[in-house]
Structure formats: C-alpha cells, structure tokens
C-alpha cells in the first residue's frame, strides 16, 4: 500500500509484475504512474519532479524498472 513519510511517498514494488497487473495494483492503491518505455517504444515525459509518481519500463510484458519521479 501507499505510506506517507515526511511528505515523501514510498510505494508498492511492481517490478516483475505484468503490465496489466502493475496497472491494476497501482490504480487500486491510488498511486500516480506513467509508462516511460513499453517494449521498444519510448514515450516523452515532462521534466517535473513528482516523488509520489512512478515511472515504469515494460520489457517482454513485465515491469523491469520502477523509479520515482
């Protein structure tokens, strides 16, 4: 689940989950996220820093990278 600490948010770890599982888990927990790369397709992201948001990379249908920002 999502836990607040000193205005920073620690989040669930979805690395190793399928794309669909990760989306469902994060949506259910109310965690902001965006997919930055899905297989070989990269997406443009804004440069704003949001520590509560997760940036995800998907390879072979699985989340391989999860970073805050």
Protein backbone atom coordinates (compact mmCIF):
# COMPACT_ATOMS: atom_id res chain seq x y z
CA UNK A 1 0.00 0.00 0.00
CA UNK A 2 0.98 3.66 -0.02
CA UNK A 3 2.63 5.03 3.10
CA UNK A 4 3.36 8.71 3.78
CA UNK A 5 6.65 9.67 5.48
CA UNK A 6 7.90 13.24 5.80
CA UNK A 7 5.93 14.32 2.70
CA UNK A 8 7.64 11.62 0.61
CA UNK A 9 5.70 8.60 -0.53
CA UNK A 10 7.05 5.07 -0.57
CA UNK A 11 5.13 2.81 -2.90
CA UNK A 12 4.43 -0.74 -3.78
CA UNK A 13 7.04 -2.56 -5.80
CA UNK A 14 5.59 -3.74 -9.12
CA UNK A 15 8.85 -4.89 -10.73
CA UNK A 16 8.30 -8.38 -12.13
CA UNK A 17 4.53 -7.91 -12.46
CA UNK A 18 2.84 -7.98 -15.85
CA UNK A 19 1.88 -4.63 -17.32
CA UNK A 20 -1.81 -5.34 -16.62
CA UNK A 21 -1.12 -6.46 -13.03
CA UNK A 22 1.01 -3.39 -12.33
CA UNK A 23 -1.62 -1.01 -13.72
CA UNK A 24 -4.34 -2.68 -11.63
CA UNK A 25 -2.25 -2.64 -8.43
CA UNK A 26 -1.21 1.00 -8.84
CA UNK A 27 -4.70 2.16 -9.79
CA UNK A 28 -6.24 0.31 -6.84
CA UNK A 29 -3.67 1.91 -4.48
CA UNK A 30 -4.21 5.37 -5.96
CA UNK A 31 -0.56 5.69 -6.99
CA UNK A 32 0.25 8.07 -9.85
CA UNK A 33 2.37 6.44 -12.56
CA UNK A 34 3.36 6.69 -16.18
CA UNK A 35 4.88 4.23 -18.61
CA UNK A 36 8.10 5.68 -19.98
CA UNK A 37 9.01 2.74 -22.20
CA UNK A 38 6.82 -0.12 -23.43
CA UNK A 39 8.86 -2.77 -25.20
CA UNK A 40 10.90 -0.83 -27.80
CA UNK A 41 8.67 2.27 -27.80
CA UNK A 42 9.81 5.16 -25.60
CA UNK A 43 7.45 7.95 -24.53
CA UNK A 44 8.18 11.59 -23.86
CA UNK A 45 7.80 12.64 -20.24
CA UNK A 46 7.65 16.01 -18.59
CA UNK A 47 10.64 17.23 -16.55
CA UNK A 48 8.65 17.95 -13.39
CA UNK A 49 9.81 16.02 -10.32
CA UNK A 50 6.97 14.28 -8.51
CA UNK A 51 8.37 11.86 -5.92
CA UNK A 52 4.96 10.24 -5.45
CA UNK A 53 4.74 9.29 -9.15
CA UNK A 54 6.29 6.13 -10.57
CA UNK A 55 7.96 5.89 -13.97
CA UNK A 56 7.76 2.38 -15.37
CA UNK A 57 9.66 0.46 -18.07
CA UNK A 58 7.99 -2.58 -19.65
CA UNK A 59 10.03 -5.33 -21.37
CA UNK A 60 8.64 -8.66 -22.56
CA UNK A 61 5.30 -7.78 -20.96
CA UNK A 62 6.80 -7.28 -17.47
CA UNK A 63 7.72 -4.23 -15.44
CA UNK A 64 11.52 -4.22 -15.39
CA UNK A 65 12.24 -0.74 -13.98
CA UNK A 66 10.36 1.35 -11.45
CA UNK A 67 11.62 4.81 -10.48
CA UNK A 68 10.09 7.67 -8.55
CA UNK A 69 9.71 10.95 -10.36
